[in-house]
Amino acid sequence: MVVAFLENIYAIFLTSLPGVIAVMTESRVDHIKLVLTRELYLSKDAKEAANIRKFLQLINLRPFSLRICRFVPVDMSLPVGLLNLCTTYLITLAQFPH
């Protein structure tokens, strides 16, 4: 009984970990954008300001998003989506007669 419980906790942990890491990375990218914007405002060097502006444009053109096969977003909704998929699959299987 305890082993089955621990196996379920382990499975839940493994399915939710990529979403947690993706959200943490996205938060860090937002923090970097904030720091660069502040440095752009305080910068007195024109070349440094131009480089910061280019990098901020690049970040805005290609925002951070982690996806599986360019289709399934990896974020905190991934475990909920997997649970929804499994529930739908079980309901579909239950409808088939034996």
PDB file of N, CA and C in Angstrom:
ATOM      1  N   MET A   1       0.822  -1.191   0.000  1.00  0.00           N
ATOM      2  CA  MET A   1       0.000   0.000   0.000  1.00  0.00           C
ATOM      3  C   MET A   1       0.865   1.253   0.000  1.00  0.00           C
ATOM      4  N   VAL A   2       1.861   1.277   0.874  1.00  0.00           N
ATOM      5  CA  VAL A   2       2.751   2.435   0.965  1.00  0.00           C
ATOM      6  C   VAL A   2       3.595   2.544  -0.300  1.00  0.00           C
ATOM      7  N   VAL A   3       4.020   1.401  -0.838  1.00  0.00           N
ATOM      8  CA  VAL A   3       4.841   1.401  -2.043  1.00  0.00           C
ATOM      9  C   VAL A   3       4.044   1.953  -3.222  1.00  0.00           C
ATOM     10  N   ALA A   4       2.794   1.560  -3.336  1.00  0.00           N
ATOM     11  CA  ALA A   4       1.956   2.074  -4.421  1.00  0.00           C
ATOM     12  C   ALA A   4       1.754   3.574  -4.279  1.00  0.00           C
ATOM     13  N   PHE A   5       1.569   4.042  -3.057  1.00  0.00           N
ATOM     14  CA  PHE A   5       1.413   5.475  -2.816  1.00  0.00           C
ATOM     15  C   PHE A   5       2.674   6.230  -3.233  1.00  0.00           C
ATOM     16  N   LEU A   6       3.830   5.702  -2.847  1.00  0.00           N
ATOM     17  CA  LEU A   6       5.087   6.358  -3.214  1.00  0.00           C
ATOM     18  C   LEU A   6       5.324   6.323  -4.722  1.00  0.00           C
ATOM     19  N   GLU A   7       4.940   5.249  -5.376  1.00  0.00           N
ATOM     20  CA  GLU A   7       5.066   5.186  -6.833  1.00  0.00           C
ATOM     21  C   GLU A   7       4.176   6.223  -7.506  1.00  0.00           C
ATOM     22  N   ASN A   8       2.981   6.433  -6.979  1.00  0.00           N
ATOM     23  CA  ASN A   8       2.081   7.451  -7.538  1.00  0.00           C
ATOM     24  C   ASN A   8       2.639   8.852  -7.321  1.00  0.00           C
ATOM     25  N   ILE A   9       3.169   9.119  -6.151  1.00  0.00           N
ATOM     26  CA  ILE A   9       3.785  10.422  -5.874  1.00  0.00           C
ATOM     27  C   ILE A   9       4.965  10.645  -6.812  1.00  0.00           C
ATOM     28  N   TYR A  10       5.756   9.614  -7.037  1.00  0.00           N
ATOM     29  CA  TYR A  10       6.895   9.702  -7.949  1.00  0.00           C
ATOM     30  C   TYR A  10       6.430  10.003  -9.376  1.00  0.00           C
ATOM     31  N   ALA A  11       5.362   9.346  -9.825  1.00  0.00           N
ATOM     32  CA  ALA A  11       4.841   9.579 -11.169  1.00  0.00           C
ATOM     33  C   ALA A  11       4.306  11.006 -11.305  1.00  0.00           C
ATOM     34  N   ILE A  12       3.618  11.485 -10.287  1.00  0.00           N
ATOM     35  CA  ILE A  12       3.109  12.862 -10.313  1.00  0.00           C
ATOM     36  C   ILE A  12       4.271  13.851 -10.347  1.00  0.00           C
ATOM     37  N   PHE A  13       5.295  13.571  -9.560  1.00  0.00           N
ATOM     38  CA  PHE A  13       6.472  14.435  -9.530  1.00  0.00           C
ATOM     39  C   PHE A  13       7.148  14.489 -10.890  1.00  0.00           C
ATOM     40  N   LEU A  14       7.306  13.345 -11.538  1.00  0.00           N
ATOM     41  CA  LEU A  14       7.973  13.302 -12.836  1.00  0.00           C
ATOM     42  C   LEU A  14       7.176  14.017 -13.926  1.00  0.00           C
ATOM     43  N   THR A  15       5.842  13.942 -13.864  1.00  0.00           N
ATOM     44  CA  THR A  15       5.053  14.599 -14.896  1.00  0.00           C
ATOM     45  C   THR A  15       4.953  16.104 -14.679  1.00  0.00           C
ATOM     46  N   SER A  16       5.078  16.557 -13.454  1.00  0.00           N
ATOM     47  CA  SER A  16       4.944  17.989 -13.203  1.00  0.00           C
ATOM     48  C   SER A  16       6.277  18.728 -13.191  1.00  0.00           C
ATOM     49  N   LEU A  17       7.384  18.036 -13.056  1.00  0.00           N
ATOM     50  CA  LEU A  17       8.684  18.681 -12.974  1.00  0.00           C
ATOM     51  C   LEU A  17       9.049  19.494 -14.221  1.00  0.00           C
ATOM     52  N   PRO A  18       8.845  18.995 -15.453  1.00  0.00           N
ATOM     53  CA  PRO A  18       9.180  19.826 -16.615  1.00  0.00           C
ATOM     54  C   PRO A  18       8.395  21.139 -16.655  1.00  0.00           C
ATOM     55  N   GLY A  19       7.140  21.106 -16.265  1.00  0.00           N
ATOM     56  CA  GLY A  19       6.345  22.329 -16.236  1.00  0.00           C
ATOM     57  C   GLY A  19       6.862  23.328 -15.216  1.00  0.00           C
ATOM     58  N   VAL A  20       7.266  22.830 -14.054  1.00  0.00           N
ATOM     59  CA  VAL A  20       7.806  23.712 -13.010  1.00  0.00           C
ATOM     60  C   VAL A  20       9.111  24.343 -13.490  1.00  0.00           C
ATOM     61  N   ILE A  21       9.976  23.557 -14.096  1.00  0.00           N
ATOM     62  CA  ILE A  21      11.248  24.082 -14.590  1.00  0.00           C
ATOM     63  C   ILE A  21      11.016  25.101 -15.698  1.00  0.00           C
ATOM     64  N   ALA A  22      10.062  24.847 -16.591  1.00  0.00           N
ATOM     65  CA  ALA A  22       9.770  25.795 -17.668  1.00  0.00           C
ATOM     66  C   ALA A  22       9.246  27.112 -17.115  1.00  0.00           C
ATOM     67  N   VAL A  23       8.381  27.056 -16.116  1.00  0.00           N
ATOM     68  CA  VAL A  23       7.849  28.284 -15.516  1.00  0.00           C
ATOM     69  C   VAL A  23       8.952  29.044 -14.786  1.00  0.00           C
ATOM     70  N   MET A  24       9.839  28.329 -14.099  1.00  0.00           N
ATOM     71  CA  MET A  24      10.953  28.991 -13.425  1.00  0.00           C
ATOM     72  C   MET A  24      11.889  29.656 -14.434  1.00  0.00           C
ATOM     73  N   THR A  25      12.137  28.999 -15.558  1.00  0.00           N
ATOM     74  CA  THR A  25      12.989  29.574 -16.595  1.00  0.00           C
ATOM     75  C   THR A  25      12.334  30.805 -17.207  1.00  0.00           C
ATOM     76  N   GLU A  26      11.040  30.731 -17.451  1.00  0.00           N
ATOM     77  CA  GLU A  26      10.322  31.882 -17.997  1.00  0.00           C
ATOM     78  C   GLU A  26      10.360  33.070 -17.033  1.00  0.00           C
ATOM     79  N   SER A  27      10.244  32.790 -15.762  1.00  0.00           N
ATOM     80  CA  SER A  27      10.342  33.840 -14.757  1.00  0.00           C
ATOM     81  C   SER A  27      11.735  34.464 -14.760  1.00  0.00           C
ATOM     82  N   ARG A  28      12.747  33.650 -14.911  1.00  0.00           N
ATOM     83  CA  ARG A  28      14.122  34.166 -14.952  1.00  0.00           C
ATOM     84  C   ARG A  28      14.355  35.018 -16.199  1.00  0.00           C
ATOM     85  N   VAL A  29      13.799  34.624 -17.328  1.00  0.00           N
ATOM     86  CA  VAL A  29      13.914  35.416 -18.549  1.00  0.00           C
ATOM     87  C   VAL A  29      13.239  36.773 -18.364  1.00  0.00           C
ATOM     88  N   ASP A  30      12.086  36.790 -17.716  1.00  0.00           N
ATOM     89  CA  ASP A  30      11.414  38.066 -17.440  1.00  0.00           C
ATOM     90  C   ASP A  30      12.266  38.949 -16.534  1.00  0.00           C
ATOM     91  N   HIS A  31      12.936  38.342 -15.563  1.00  0.00           N
ATOM     92  CA  HIS A  31      13.811  39.106 -14.678  1.00  0.00           C
ATOM     93  C   HIS A  31      14.988  39.696 -15.471  1.00  0.00           C
ATOM     94  N   ILE A  32      15.551  38.913 -16.380  1.00  0.00           N
ATOM     95  CA  ILE A  32      16.654  39.396 -17.218  1.00  0.00           C
ATOM     96  C   ILE A  32      16.191  40.568 -18.080  1.00  0.00           C
ATOM     97  N   LYS A  33      14.984  40.474 -18.631  1.00  0.00           N
ATOM     98  CA  LYS A  33      14.455  41.584 -19.429  1.00  0.00           C
ATOM     99  C   LYS A  33      14.300  42.842 -18.584  1.00  0.00           C
ATOM    100  N   LEU A  34      13.859  42.683 -17.362  1.00  0.00           N
ATOM    101  CA  LEU A  34      13.709  43.826 -16.474  1.00  0.00           C
ATOM    102  C   LEU A  34      15.063  44.469 -16.153  1.00  0.00           C
ATOM    103  N   VAL A  35      16.056  43.653 -15.870  1.00  0.00           N
ATOM    104  CA  VAL A  35      17.395  44.166 -15.571  1.00  0.00           C
ATOM    105  C   VAL A  35      17.980  44.877 -16.791  1.00  0.00           C
ATOM    106  N   LEU A  36      17.811  44.286 -17.976  1.00  0.00           N
ATOM    107  CA  LEU A  36      18.339  44.916 -19.182  1.00  0.00           C
ATOM    108  C   LEU A  36      17.632  46.231 -19.493  1.00  0.00           C
ATOM    109  N   THR A  37      16.338  46.284 -19.243  1.00  0.00           N
ATOM    110  CA  THR A  37      15.607  47.535 -19.466  1.00  0.00           C
ATOM    111  C   THR A  37      16.113  48.619 -18.516  1.00  0.00           C
ATOM    112  N   ARG A  38      16.365  48.251 -17.290  1.00  0.00           N
ATOM    113  CA  ARG A  38      16.916  49.219 -16.334  1.00  0.00           C
ATOM    114  C   ARG A  38      18.309  49.675 -16.764  1.00  0.00           C
ATOM    115  N   GLU A  39      19.138  48.747 -17.209  1.00  0.00           N
ATOM    116  CA  GLU A  39      20.479  49.099 -17.673  1.00  0.00           C
ATOM    117  C   GLU A  39      20.420  49.974 -18.926  1.00  0.00           C
ATOM    118  N   LEU A  40      19.450  49.726 -19.779  1.00  0.00           N
ATOM    119  CA  LEU A  40      19.278  50.556 -20.975  1.00  0.00           C
ATOM    120  C   LEU A  40      18.936  51.983 -20.579  1.00  0.00           C
ATOM    121  N   TYR A  41      18.103  52.121 -19.589  1.00  0.00           N
ATOM    122  CA  TYR A  41      17.709  53.449 -19.109  1.00  0.00           C
ATOM    123  C   TYR A  41      18.884  54.179 -18.463  1.00  0.00           C
ATOM    124  N   LEU A  42      19.739  53.454 -17.732  1.00  0.00           N
ATOM    125  CA  LEU A  42      20.842  54.070 -16.999  1.00  0.00           C
ATOM    126  C   LEU A  42      22.147  54.150 -17.800  1.00  0.00           C
ATOM    127  N   SER A  43      22.199  53.497 -18.964  1.00  0.00           N
ATOM    128  CA  SER A  43      23.435  53.434 -19.732  1.00  0.00           C
ATOM    129  C   SER A  43      23.779  54.787 -20.352  1.00  0.00           C
ATOM    130  N   LYS A  44      25.060  55.117 -20.265  1.00  0.00           N
ATOM    131  CA  LYS A  44      25.554  56.350 -20.866  1.00  0.00           C
ATOM    132  C   LYS A  44      26.337  56.073 -22.144  1.00  0.00           C
ATOM    133  N   ASP A  45      26.712  54.823 -22.339  1.00  0.00           N
ATOM    134  CA  ASP A  45      27.467  54.424 -23.529  1.00  0.00           C
ATOM    135  C   ASP A  45      26.497  54.088 -24.660  1.00  0.00           C
ATOM    136  N   ALA A  46      26.655  54.732 -25.809  1.00  0.00           N
ATOM    137  CA  ALA A  46      25.735  54.530 -26.936  1.00  0.00           C
ATOM    138  C   ALA A  46      25.845  53.117 -27.515  1.00  0.00           C
ATOM    139  N   LYS A  47      27.081  52.570 -27.569  1.00  0.00           N
ATOM    140  CA  LYS A  47      27.265  51.227 -28.126  1.00  0.00           C
ATOM    141  C   LYS A  47      26.624  50.172 -27.222  1.00  0.00           C
ATOM    142  N   GLU A  48      26.806  50.329 -25.928  1.00  0.00           N
ATOM    143  CA  GLU A  48      26.192  49.395 -24.977  1.00  0.00           C
ATOM    144  C   GLU A  48      24.670  49.474 -25.052  1.00  0.00           C
ATOM    145  N   ALA A  49      24.139  50.687 -25.153  1.00  0.00           N
ATOM    146  CA  ALA A  49      22.692  50.863 -25.255  1.00  0.00           C
ATOM    147  C   ALA A  49      22.154  50.221 -26.532  1.00  0.00           C
ATOM    148  N   ALA A  50      22.903  50.342 -27.631  1.00  0.00           N
ATOM    149  CA  ALA A  50      22.471  49.726 -28.897  1.00  0.00           C
ATOM    150  C   ALA A  50      22.467  48.202 -28.786  1.00  0.00           C
ATOM    151  N   ASN A  51      23.489  47.657 -28.127  1.00  0.00           N
ATOM    152  CA  ASN A  51      23.546  46.198 -27.944  1.00  0.00           C
ATOM    153  C   ASN A  51      22.397  45.705 -27.065  1.00  0.00           C
ATOM    154  N   ILE A  52      22.111  46.440 -26.006  1.00  0.00           N
ATOM    155  CA  ILE A  52      21.004  46.051 -25.123  1.00  0.00           C
ATOM    156  C   ILE A  52      19.688  46.126 -25.878  1.00  0.00           C
ATOM    157  N   ARG A  53      19.508  47.178 -26.674  1.00  0.00           N
ATOM    158  CA  ARG A  53      18.280  47.332 -27.459  1.00  0.00           C
ATOM    159  C   ARG A  53      18.101  46.177 -28.445  1.00  0.00           C
ATOM    160  N   LYS A  54      19.192  45.774 -29.113  1.00  0.00           N
ATOM    161  CA  LYS A  54      19.135  44.647 -30.062  1.00  0.00           C
ATOM    162  C   LYS A  54      18.753  43.349 -29.339  1.00  0.00           C
ATOM    163  N   PHE A  55      19.359  43.145 -28.168  1.00  0.00           N
ATOM    164  CA  PHE A  55      19.065  41.920 -27.433  1.00  0.00           C
ATOM    165  C   PHE A  55      17.620  41.900 -26.937  1.00  0.00           C
ATOM    166  N   LEU A  56      17.127  43.034 -26.482  1.00  0.00           N
ATOM    167  CA  LEU A  56      15.724  43.107 -26.048  1.00  0.00           C
ATOM    168  C   LEU A  56      14.769  42.878 -27.220  1.00  0.00           C
ATOM    169  N   GLN A  57      15.128  43.384 -28.397  1.00  0.00           N
ATOM    170  CA  GLN A  57      14.304  43.123 -29.582  1.00  0.00           C
ATOM    171  C   GLN A  57      14.297  41.638 -29.910  1.00  0.00           C
ATOM    172  N   LEU A  58      15.458  40.992 -29.802  1.00  0.00           N
ATOM    173  CA  LEU A  58      15.547  39.556 -30.057  1.00  0.00           C
ATOM    174  C   LEU A  58      14.681  38.772 -29.079  1.00  0.00           C
ATOM    175  N   ILE A  59      14.738  39.145 -27.816  1.00  0.00           N
ATOM    176  CA  ILE A  59      13.926  38.457 -26.811  1.00  0.00           C
ATOM    177  C   ILE A  59      12.431  38.669 -27.084  1.00  0.00           C
ATOM    178  N   ASN A  60      12.044  39.852 -27.529  1.00  0.00           N
ATOM    179  CA  ASN A  60      10.639  40.109 -27.831  1.00  0.00           C
ATOM    180  C   ASN A  60      10.181  39.384 -29.085  1.00  0.00           C
ATOM    181  N   LEU A  61      11.077  39.219 -30.071  1.00  0.00           N
ATOM    182  CA  LEU A  61      10.710  38.505 -31.293  1.00  0.00           C
ATOM    183  C   LEU A  61      10.618  37.005 -31.070  1.00  0.00           C
ATOM    184  N   ARG A  62      11.479  36.473 -30.213  1.00  0.00           N
ATOM    185  CA  ARG A  62      11.500  35.039 -29.933  1.00  0.00           C
ATOM    186  C   ARG A  62      11.345  34.802 -28.438  1.00  0.00           C
ATOM    187  N   PRO A  63      10.125  34.931 -27.925  1.00  0.00           N
ATOM    188  CA  PRO A  63       9.926  34.751 -26.484  1.00  0.00           C
ATOM    189  C   PRO A  63      10.163  33.295 -26.081  1.00  0.00           C
ATOM    190  N   PHE A  64      10.489  33.129 -24.813  1.00  0.00           N
ATOM    191  CA  PHE A  64      10.751  31.784 -24.303  1.00  0.00           C
ATOM    192  C   PHE A  64       9.457  30.993 -24.214  1.00  0.00           C
ATOM    193  N   SER A  65       9.432  29.856 -24.862  1.00  0.00           N
ATOM    194  CA  SER A  65       8.325  28.915 -24.710  1.00  0.00           C
ATOM    195  C   SER A  65       8.857  27.521 -25.024  1.00  0.00           C
ATOM    196  N   LEU A  66       8.589  26.601 -24.158  1.00  0.00           N
ATOM    197  CA  LEU A  66       9.033  25.232 -24.318  1.00  0.00           C
ATOM    198  C   LEU A  66       7.849  24.408 -24.795  1.00  0.00           C
ATOM    199  N   ARG A  67       8.033  23.696 -25.901  1.00  0.00           N
ATOM    200  CA  ARG A  67       6.952  22.904 -26.475  1.00  0.00           C
ATOM    201  C   ARG A  67       7.462  21.522 -26.864  1.00  0.00           C
ATOM    202  N   ILE A  68       6.565  20.556 -26.816  1.00  0.00           N
ATOM    203  CA  ILE A  68       6.879  19.199 -27.250  1.00  0.00           C
ATOM    204  C   ILE A  68       6.380  19.065 -28.683  1.00  0.00           C
ATOM    205  N   CYS A  69       7.269  18.749 -29.588  1.00  0.00           N
ATOM    206  CA  CYS A  69       6.953  18.611 -31.017  1.00  0.00           C
ATOM    207  C   CYS A  69       6.280  19.868 -31.576  1.00  0.00           C
ATOM    208  N   ARG A  70       6.642  21.016 -31.062  1.00  0.00           N
ATOM    209  CA  ARG A  70       6.091  22.317 -31.480  1.00  0.00           C
ATOM    210  C   ARG A  70       4.571  22.384 -31.358  1.00  0.00           C
ATOM    211  N   PHE A  71       4.001  21.543 -30.517  1.00  0.00           N
ATOM    212  CA  PHE A  71       2.544  21.487 -30.407  1.00  0.00           C
ATOM    213  C   PHE A  71       2.051  21.596 -28.963  1.00  0.00           C
ATOM    214  N   VAL A  72       2.638  20.816 -28.083  1.00  0.00           N
ATOM    215  CA  VAL A  72       2.175  20.755 -26.698  1.00  0.00           C
ATOM    216  C   VAL A  72       3.023  21.684 -25.837  1.00  0.00           C
ATOM    217  N   PRO A  73       2.423  22.724 -25.253  1.00  0.00           N
ATOM    218  CA  PRO A  73       3.219  23.615 -24.400  1.00  0.00           C
ATOM    219  C   PRO A  73       3.589  22.935 -23.087  1.00  0.00           C
ATOM    220  N   VAL A  74       4.821  23.140 -22.669  1.00  0.00           N
ATOM    221  CA  VAL A  74       5.288  22.597 -21.398  1.00  0.00           C
ATOM    222  C   VAL A  74       5.245  23.735 -20.381  1.00  0.00           C
ATOM    223  N   ASP A  75       4.237  23.686 -19.534  1.00  0.00           N
ATOM    224  CA  ASP A  75       4.096  24.670 -18.469  1.00  0.00           C
ATOM    225  C   ASP A  75       3.347  23.999 -17.323  1.00  0.00           C
ATOM    226  N   MET A  76       2.823  24.797 -16.422  1.00  0.00           N
ATOM    227  CA  MET A  76       2.150  24.220 -15.257  1.00  0.00           C
ATOM    228  C   MET A  76       0.841  23.512 -15.619  1.00  0.00           C
ATOM    229  N   SER A  77       0.321  23.739 -16.805  1.00  0.00           N
ATOM    230  CA  SER A  77      -0.915  23.062 -17.205  1.00  0.00           C
ATOM    231  C   SER A  77      -0.646  21.670 -17.796  1.00  0.00           C
ATOM    232  N   LEU A  78       0.615  21.292 -17.956  1.00  0.00           N
ATOM    233  CA  LEU A  78       0.938  19.982 -18.532  1.00  0.00           C
ATOM    234  C   LEU A  78       0.393  18.816 -17.701  1.00  0.00           C
ATOM    235  N   PRO A  79       0.589  18.774 -16.389  1.00  0.00           N
ATOM    236  CA  PRO A  79       0.025  17.646 -15.621  1.00  0.00           C
ATOM    237  C   PRO A  79      -1.499  17.590 -15.693  1.00  0.00           C
ATOM    238  N   VAL A  80      -2.155  18.752 -15.688  1.00  0.00           N
ATOM    239  CA  VAL A  80      -3.619  18.784 -15.787  1.00  0.00           C
ATOM    240  C   VAL A  80      -4.057  18.258 -17.152  1.00  0.00           C
ATOM    241  N   GLY A  81      -3.331  18.639 -18.196  1.00  0.00           N
ATOM    242  CA  GLY A  81      -3.639  18.148 -19.542  1.00  0.00           C
ATOM    243  C   GLY A  81      -3.454  16.648 -19.648  1.00  0.00           C
ATOM    244  N   LEU A  82      -2.398  16.113 -19.023  1.00  0.00           N
ATOM    245  CA  LEU A  82      -2.184  14.664 -19.040  1.00  0.00           C
ATOM    246  C   LEU A  82      -3.280  13.930 -18.282  1.00  0.00           C
ATOM    247  N   LEU A  83      -3.702  14.483 -17.160  1.00  0.00           N
ATOM    248  CA  LEU A  83      -4.796  13.884 -16.398  1.00  0.00           C
ATOM    249  C   LEU A  83      -6.093  13.914 -17.207  1.00  0.00           C
ATOM    250  N   ASN A  84      -6.331  15.011 -17.899  1.00  0.00           N
ATOM    251  CA  ASN A  84      -7.513  15.129 -18.751  1.00  0.00           C
ATOM    252  C   ASN A  84      -7.470  14.096 -19.874  1.00  0.00           C
ATOM    253  N   LEU A  85      -6.316  13.914 -20.484  1.00  0.00           N
ATOM    254  CA  LEU A  85      -6.162  12.922 -21.555  1.00  0.00           C
ATOM    255  C   LEU A  85      -6.422  11.508 -21.036  1.00  0.00           C
ATOM    256  N   CYS A  86      -5.852  11.182 -19.874  1.00  0.00           N
ATOM    257  CA  CYS A  86      -6.053   9.845 -19.298  1.00  0.00           C
ATOM    258  C   CYS A  86      -7.516   9.604 -18.930  1.00  0.00           C
ATOM    259  N   THR A  87      -8.183  10.625 -18.385  1.00  0.00           N
ATOM    260  CA  THR A  87      -9.591  10.495 -18.013  1.00  0.00           C
ATOM    261  C   THR A  87     -10.455  10.269 -19.246  1.00  0.00           C
ATOM    262  N   THR A  88     -10.197  11.033 -20.294  1.00  0.00           N
ATOM    263  CA  THR A  88     -10.953  10.863 -21.543  1.00  0.00           C
ATOM    264  C   THR A  88     -10.727   9.473 -22.120  1.00  0.00           C
ATOM    265  N   TYR A  89      -9.477   8.991 -22.076  1.00  0.00           N
ATOM    266  CA  TYR A  89      -9.150   7.673 -22.585  1.00  0.00           C
ATOM    267  C   TYR A  89      -9.880   6.589 -21.795  1.00  0.00           C
ATOM    268  N   LEU A  90      -9.919   6.713 -20.471  1.00  0.00           N
ATOM    269  CA  LEU A  90     -10.605   5.712 -19.649  1.00  0.00           C
ATOM    270  C   LEU A  90     -12.108   5.724 -19.895  1.00  0.00           C
ATOM    271  N   ILE A  91     -12.694   6.899 -20.063  1.00  0.00           N
ATOM    272  CA  ILE A  91     -14.133   6.979 -20.352  1.00  0.00           C
ATOM    273  C   ILE A  91     -14.443   6.345 -21.692  1.00  0.00           C
ATOM    274  N   THR A  92     -13.583   6.594 -22.671  1.00  0.00           N
ATOM    275  CA  THR A  92     -13.776   5.999 -24.005  1.00  0.00           C
ATOM    276  C   THR A  92     -13.679   4.477 -23.923  1.00  0.00           C
ATOM    277  N   LEU A  93     -12.690   3.970 -23.174  1.00  0.00           N
ATOM    278  CA  LEU A  93     -12.544   2.521 -23.044  1.00  0.00           C
ATOM    279  C   LEU A  93     -13.725   1.905 -22.297  1.00  0.00           C
ATOM    280  N   ALA A  94     -14.256   2.618 -21.325  1.00  0.00           N
ATOM    281  CA  ALA A  94     -15.391   2.072 -20.554  1.00  0.00           C
ATOM    282  C   ALA A  94     -16.650   1.968 -21.396  1.00  0.00           C
ATOM    283  N   GLN A  95     -16.754   2.748 -22.451  1.00  0.00           N
ATOM    284  CA  GLN A  95     -17.945   2.721 -23.292  1.00  0.00           C
ATOM    285  C   GLN A  95     -17.983   1.542 -24.255  1.00  0.00           C
ATOM    286  N   PHE A  96     -16.817   0.933 -24.498  1.00  0.00           N
ATOM    287  CA  PHE A  96     -16.785  -0.233 -25.386  1.00  0.00           C
ATOM    288  C   PHE A  96     -17.295  -1.463 -24.649  1.00  0.00           C
ATOM    289  N   PRO A  97     -18.228  -2.187 -25.257  1.00  0.00           N
ATOM    290  CA  PRO A  97     -18.720  -3.410 -24.593  1.00  0.00           C
ATOM    291  C   PRO A  97     -17.679  -4.523 -24.671  1.00  0.00           C
ATOM    292  N   HIS A  98     -17.733  -5.410 -23.707  1.00  0.00           N
ATOM    293  CA  HIS A  98     -16.782  -6.534 -23.672  1.00  0.00           C
ATOM    294  C   HIS A  98     -17.263  -7.656 -24.523  1.00  0.00           C
TER     295      HIS A  98
END
